[in-house]
Amino acid sequence: MGQAVQEKRVIAKQLQEKLSNQYLNFSIDSVLYALPPSDLQKMMQGLPIKRDGYDYAQLTQGYHNSIKGLLKAGCRLIIDSAWIDKQEIDNLNKVLEPFSVLIVGVKCRLSVCEEREKNRGDRAIGLAKSEFPIVHQYMNYDLIVDTTENSPNRAAKEVINYLNKMAEA
């Protein structure tokens, strides 16, 4: 699922607690964890899912449509995911176009990312390394936080400081 995934999840939780408005943390995992347990286990191990009707692109599209629906309903979201496919990113940008958004990139050194991948326990080992050179290539960020040395709490504060500066402008 991408670089610094575990840290992003913790940053999202920190933001939920620190922001004055209520935000939902809505990750692609919210959709993927709805898969049948045996398929989810295969995905976590990096094995192919061979069930009739399984289509990762369809799940991603459904995730994007869910984002749109939640935003249209007035929910505030922290969208916690990593995108590596240009078409998926273009689709996401189209979904987000009518809304006011802040796009934050979460980065760290590869060695740190690989260690977090191992510690997390629900990702195929090696995914971080394979996605590392491409995970940020099609994204345009308003803000980038580096969690190589910074804690999730510090990264969340950076995001909030940025939001406060934008509100003042």
C-alpha atoms as a PDB file:
ATOM      1  CA  MET A   1       0.000   0.000   0.000  1.00  0.00           C
ATOM      2  CA  GLY A   2       2.949   2.271   0.006  1.00  0.00           C
ATOM      3  CA  GLN A   3       5.597   4.240   1.715  1.00  0.00           C
ATOM      4  CA  ALA A   4       5.298   5.144   5.372  1.00  0.00           C
ATOM      5  CA  VAL A   5       1.857   3.525   5.572  1.00  0.00           C
ATOM      6  CA  GLN A   6       1.959   2.814   9.281  1.00  0.00           C
ATOM      7  CA  GLU A   7       3.049   6.368  10.076  1.00  0.00           C
ATOM      8  CA  LYS A   8       0.276   7.786   7.875  1.00  0.00           C
ATOM      9  CA  ARG A   9      -2.272   5.819   9.856  1.00  0.00           C
ATOM     10  CA  VAL A  10      -0.912   7.170  13.147  1.00  0.00           C
ATOM     11  CA  ILE A  11      -0.692  10.725  11.756  1.00  0.00           C
ATOM     12  CA  ALA A  12      -4.317  10.455  10.639  1.00  0.00           C
ATOM     13  CA  LYS A  13      -5.364   9.423  14.152  1.00  0.00           C
ATOM     14  CA  GLN A  14      -3.367  12.298  15.645  1.00  0.00           C
ATOM     15  CA  LEU A  15      -5.070  14.736  13.264  1.00  0.00           C
ATOM     16  CA  GLN A  16      -8.492  13.368  14.169  1.00  0.00           C
ATOM     17  CA  GLU A  17      -7.812  14.127  17.825  1.00  0.00           C
ATOM     18  CA  LYS A  18      -6.178  17.530  17.296  1.00  0.00           C
ATOM     19  CA  LEU A  19      -8.487  19.125  14.711  1.00  0.00           C
ATOM     20  CA  SER A  20     -11.437  21.082  16.083  1.00  0.00           C
ATOM     21  CA  ASN A  21     -13.910  19.564  13.598  1.00  0.00           C
ATOM     22  CA  GLN A  22     -14.705  15.872  13.398  1.00  0.00           C
ATOM     23  CA  TYR A  23     -12.896  14.040  10.597  1.00  0.00           C
ATOM     24  CA  LEU A  24     -13.324  10.458   9.450  1.00  0.00           C
ATOM     25  CA  ASN A  25     -10.126   8.555   8.689  1.00  0.00           C
ATOM     26  CA  PHE A  26     -11.071   6.866   5.436  1.00  0.00           C
ATOM     27  CA  SER A  27      -8.423   4.583   4.013  1.00  0.00           C
ATOM     28  CA  ILE A  28      -8.458   2.152   1.091  1.00  0.00           C
ATOM     29  CA  ASP A  29      -8.058  -0.400   3.873  1.00  0.00           C
ATOM     30  CA  SER A  30     -11.655   0.410   4.861  1.00  0.00           C
ATOM     31  CA  VAL A  31     -12.648  -1.222   1.580  1.00  0.00           C
ATOM     32  CA  LEU A  32      -9.973  -3.919   1.371  1.00  0.00           C
ATOM     33  CA  TYR A  33     -10.668  -5.135   4.921  1.00  0.00           C
ATOM     34  CA  ALA A  34     -14.218  -5.857   3.752  1.00  0.00           C
ATOM     35  CA  LEU A  35     -12.871  -8.615   1.466  1.00  0.00           C
ATOM     36  CA  PRO A  36     -13.483 -12.222   2.481  1.00  0.00           C
ATOM     37  CA  PRO A  37     -10.886 -13.104   5.147  1.00  0.00           C
ATOM     38  CA  SER A  38      -9.086 -15.645   2.954  1.00  0.00           C
ATOM     39  CA  ASP A  39      -8.744 -13.110   0.111  1.00  0.00           C
ATOM     40  CA  LEU A  40      -7.531 -10.435   2.508  1.00  0.00           C
ATOM     41  CA  GLN A  41      -4.924 -12.871   3.836  1.00  0.00           C
ATOM     42  CA  LYS A  42      -3.722 -13.571   0.291  1.00  0.00           C
ATOM     43  CA  MET A  43      -3.469  -9.848  -0.436  1.00  0.00           C
ATOM     44  CA  MET A  44      -1.457  -9.272   2.749  1.00  0.00           C
ATOM     45  CA  GLN A  45       0.934 -12.018   1.680  1.00  0.00           C
ATOM     46  CA  GLY A  46       1.278 -10.587  -1.825  1.00  0.00           C
ATOM     47  CA  LEU A  47      -0.482 -13.568  -3.377  1.00  0.00           C
ATOM     48  CA  PRO A  48      -2.975 -13.240  -6.233  1.00  0.00           C
ATOM     49  CA  ILE A  49      -6.691 -13.379  -5.457  1.00  0.00           C
ATOM     50  CA  LYS A  50      -8.378 -15.748  -7.897  1.00  0.00           C
ATOM     51  CA  ARG A  51     -12.008 -15.426  -6.894  1.00  0.00           C
ATOM     52  CA  ASP A  52     -14.625 -14.792  -9.576  1.00  0.00           C
ATOM     53  CA  GLY A  53     -15.547 -11.121  -9.607  1.00  0.00           C
ATOM     54  CA  TYR A  54     -12.415  -9.881  -7.834  1.00  0.00           C
ATOM     55  CA  ASP A  55     -11.213  -6.720  -9.535  1.00  0.00           C
ATOM     56  CA  TYR A  56      -8.815  -4.420  -7.695  1.00  0.00           C
ATOM     57  CA  ALA A  57      -9.548  -1.557 -10.117  1.00  0.00           C
ATOM     58  CA  GLN A  58     -13.250  -1.908  -9.309  1.00  0.00           C
ATOM     59  CA  LEU A  59     -12.509  -1.766  -5.570  1.00  0.00           C
ATOM     60  CA  THR A  60     -10.401   1.361  -6.072  1.00  0.00           C
ATOM     61  CA  GLN A  61     -13.157   2.984  -8.118  1.00  0.00           C
ATOM     62  CA  GLY A  62     -15.650   2.089  -5.401  1.00  0.00           C
ATOM     63  CA  TYR A  63     -13.331   3.638  -2.811  1.00  0.00           C
ATOM     64  CA  HIS A  64     -13.128   6.848  -4.836  1.00  0.00           C
ATOM     65  CA  ASN A  65     -16.908   6.912  -5.286  1.00  0.00           C
ATOM     66  CA  SER A  66     -17.279   6.428  -1.523  1.00  0.00           C
ATOM     67  CA  ILE A  67     -14.973   9.395  -0.915  1.00  0.00           C
ATOM     68  CA  LYS A  68     -17.132  11.515  -3.195  1.00  0.00           C
ATOM     69  CA  GLY A  69     -20.327  10.364  -1.501  1.00  0.00           C
ATOM     70  CA  LEU A  70     -19.024  11.077   1.992  1.00  0.00           C
ATOM     71  CA  LEU A  71     -17.765  14.519   0.976  1.00  0.00           C
ATOM     72  CA  LYS A  72     -21.051  15.350  -0.777  1.00  0.00           C
ATOM     73  CA  ALA A  73     -22.878  14.371   2.409  1.00  0.00           C
ATOM     74  CA  GLY A  74     -20.807  16.966   4.274  1.00  0.00           C
ATOM     75  CA  CYS A  75     -18.401  14.627   6.031  1.00  0.00           C
ATOM     76  CA  ARG A  76     -14.841  15.776   6.577  1.00  0.00           C
ATOM     77  CA  LEU A  77     -12.263  13.172   5.592  1.00  0.00           C
ATOM     78  CA  ILE A  78      -8.668  12.292   6.120  1.00  0.00           C
ATOM     79  CA  ILE A  79      -8.004  10.142   3.071  1.00  0.00           C
ATOM     80  CA  ASP A  80      -5.231   7.799   4.101  1.00  0.00           C
ATOM     81  CA  SER A  81      -3.842   5.898   1.135  1.00  0.00           C
ATOM     82  CA  ALA A  82      -0.975   5.636  -1.322  1.00  0.00           C
ATOM     83  CA  TRP A  83      -1.511   5.764  -5.067  1.00  0.00           C
ATOM     84  CA  ILE A  84       1.018   4.542  -7.618  1.00  0.00           C
ATOM     85  CA  ASP A  85      -1.089   4.326 -10.753  1.00  0.00           C
ATOM     86  CA  LYS A  86      -1.496   7.544 -12.768  1.00  0.00           C
ATOM     87  CA  GLN A  87      -5.004   6.610 -13.889  1.00  0.00           C
ATOM     88  CA  GLU A  88      -6.104   6.045 -10.276  1.00  0.00           C
ATOM     89  CA  ILE A  89      -4.605   9.399  -9.280  1.00  0.00           C
ATOM     90  CA  ASP A  90      -6.321  11.166 -12.169  1.00  0.00           C
ATOM     91  CA  ASN A  91      -9.603   9.560 -11.098  1.00  0.00           C
ATOM     92  CA  LEU A  92      -9.059  10.625  -7.493  1.00  0.00           C
ATOM     93  CA  ASN A  93      -8.246  14.195  -8.559  1.00  0.00           C
ATOM     94  CA  LYS A  94     -11.457  14.298 -10.588  1.00  0.00           C
ATOM     95  CA  VAL A  95     -13.445  13.102  -7.557  1.00  0.00           C
ATOM     96  CA  LEU A  96     -11.797  15.726  -5.319  1.00  0.00           C
ATOM     97  CA  GLU A  97     -12.008  18.588  -7.826  1.00  0.00           C
ATOM     98  CA  PRO A  98     -15.186  20.244  -6.488  1.00  0.00           C
ATOM     99  CA  PHE A  99     -14.003  20.088  -2.870  1.00  0.00           C
ATOM    100  CA  SER A 100     -11.500  22.030  -0.803  1.00  0.00           C
ATOM    101  CA  VAL A 101      -8.635  19.648  -0.051  1.00  0.00           C
ATOM    102  CA  LEU A 102      -5.124  19.628   1.357  1.00  0.00           C
ATOM    103  CA  ILE A 103      -2.937  16.935  -0.158  1.00  0.00           C
ATOM    104  CA  VAL A 104      -0.138  15.872   2.174  1.00  0.00           C
ATOM    105  CA  GLY A 105       2.691  13.565   1.181  1.00  0.00           C
ATOM    106  CA  VAL A 106       4.186  11.400   3.912  1.00  0.00           C
ATOM    107  CA  LYS A 107       7.744  10.320   3.190  1.00  0.00           C
ATOM    108  CA  CYS A 108      10.622   8.622   4.947  1.00  0.00           C
ATOM    109  CA  ARG A 109      13.855   6.839   4.083  1.00  0.00           C
ATOM    110  CA  LEU A 110      13.450   3.430   2.454  1.00  0.00           C
ATOM    111  CA  SER A 111      15.149   1.620   5.347  1.00  0.00           C
ATOM    112  CA  VAL A 112      12.660   3.152   7.789  1.00  0.00           C
ATOM    113  CA  CYS A 113       9.753   2.274   5.506  1.00  0.00           C
ATOM    114  CA  GLU A 114      10.893  -1.348   5.246  1.00  0.00           C
ATOM    115  CA  GLU A 115      11.202  -1.626   9.025  1.00  0.00           C
ATOM    116  CA  ARG A 116       7.695  -0.232   9.474  1.00  0.00           C
ATOM    117  CA  GLU A 117       6.391  -2.672   6.866  1.00  0.00           C
ATOM    118  CA  LYS A 118       7.817  -5.603   8.847  1.00  0.00           C
ATOM    119  CA  ASN A 119       6.495  -4.287  12.153  1.00  0.00           C
ATOM    120  CA  ARG A 120       3.021  -3.621  10.786  1.00  0.00           C
ATOM    121  CA  GLY A 121       2.462  -7.290   9.945  1.00  0.00           C
ATOM    122  CA  ASP A 122      -0.371  -6.854   7.447  1.00  0.00           C
ATOM    123  CA  ARG A 123       1.532  -6.116   4.248  1.00  0.00           C
ATOM    124  CA  ALA A 124       3.410  -8.298   1.818  1.00  0.00           C
ATOM    125  CA  ILE A 125       7.089  -7.907   2.649  1.00  0.00           C
ATOM    126  CA  GLY A 126       8.864  -6.190  -0.220  1.00  0.00           C
ATOM    127  CA  LEU A 127       5.916  -4.041  -1.273  1.00  0.00           C
ATOM    128  CA  ALA A 128       7.440  -0.919   0.296  1.00  0.00           C
ATOM    129  CA  LYS A 129      10.693  -1.428  -1.605  1.00  0.00           C
ATOM    130  CA  SER A 130       8.943  -2.051  -4.923  1.00  0.00           C
ATOM    131  CA  GLU A 131       6.649   0.972  -4.567  1.00  0.00           C
ATOM    132  CA  PHE A 132       9.211   3.323  -3.026  1.00  0.00           C
ATOM    133  CA  PRO A 133      10.557   4.782  -6.292  1.00  0.00           C
ATOM    134  CA  ILE A 134       7.094   5.314  -7.797  1.00  0.00           C
ATOM    135  CA  VAL A 135       4.618   6.063  -5.007  1.00  0.00           C
ATOM    136  CA  HIS A 136       4.994   9.844  -5.172  1.00  0.00           C
ATOM    137  CA  GLN A 137       5.714  10.328  -8.872  1.00  0.00           C
ATOM    138  CA  TYR A 138       2.219  11.380 -10.024  1.00  0.00           C
ATOM    139  CA  MET A 139       1.055  13.200  -6.908  1.00  0.00           C
ATOM    140  CA  ASN A 140       1.083  16.964  -6.467  1.00  0.00           C
ATOM    141  CA  TYR A 141       1.311  17.788  -2.781  1.00  0.00           C
ATOM    142  CA  ASP A 142       0.460  20.969  -0.957  1.00  0.00           C
ATOM    143  CA  LEU A 143       2.674  19.849   1.926  1.00  0.00           C
ATOM    144  CA  ILE A 144       5.221  17.067   2.478  1.00  0.00           C
ATOM    145  CA  VAL A 145       6.085  15.723   5.917  1.00  0.00           C
ATOM    146  CA  ASP A 146       9.094  13.498   6.517  1.00  0.00           C
ATOM    147  CA  THR A 147       8.666  10.885   9.226  1.00  0.00           C
ATOM    148  CA  THR A 148      12.187   9.481   9.044  1.00  0.00           C
ATOM    149  CA  GLU A 149      13.065  11.331  12.248  1.00  0.00           C
ATOM    150  CA  ASN A 150       9.801  13.116  13.102  1.00  0.00           C
ATOM    151  CA  SER A 151       7.113  11.475  15.192  1.00  0.00           C
ATOM    152  CA  PRO A 152       3.534  11.155  13.945  1.00  0.00           C
ATOM    153  CA  ASN A 153       2.607  13.774  16.551  1.00  0.00           C
ATOM    154  CA  ARG A 154       5.156  16.226  15.108  1.00  0.00           C
ATOM    155  CA  ALA A 155       3.982  15.500  11.549  1.00  0.00           C
ATOM    156  CA  ALA A 156       0.365  16.135  12.592  1.00  0.00           C
ATOM    157  CA  LYS A 157       1.423  19.456  14.125  1.00  0.00           C
ATOM    158  CA  GLU A 158       3.114  20.401  10.832  1.00  0.00           C
ATOM    159  CA  VAL A 159      -0.151  19.726   8.989  1.00  0.00           C
ATOM    160  CA  ILE A 160      -2.169  21.755  11.501  1.00  0.00           C
ATOM    161  CA  ASN A 161       0.316  24.639  11.332  1.00  0.00           C
ATOM    162  CA  TYR A 162       0.007  24.616   7.558  1.00  0.00           C
ATOM    163  CA  LEU A 163      -3.796  24.638   7.772  1.00  0.00           C
ATOM    164  CA  ASN A 164      -3.678  27.554  10.225  1.00  0.00           C
ATOM    165  CA  LYS A 165      -1.402  29.556   7.908  1.00  0.00           C
ATOM    166  CA  MET A 166      -3.731  28.880   4.984  1.00  0.00           C
ATOM    167  CA  ALA A 167      -6.720  30.037   7.040  1.00  0.00           C
ATOM    168  CA  GLU A 168      -4.916  33.286   7.887  1.00  0.00           C
ATOM    169  CA  ALA A 169      -4.057  34.013   4.239  1.00  0.00           C
END
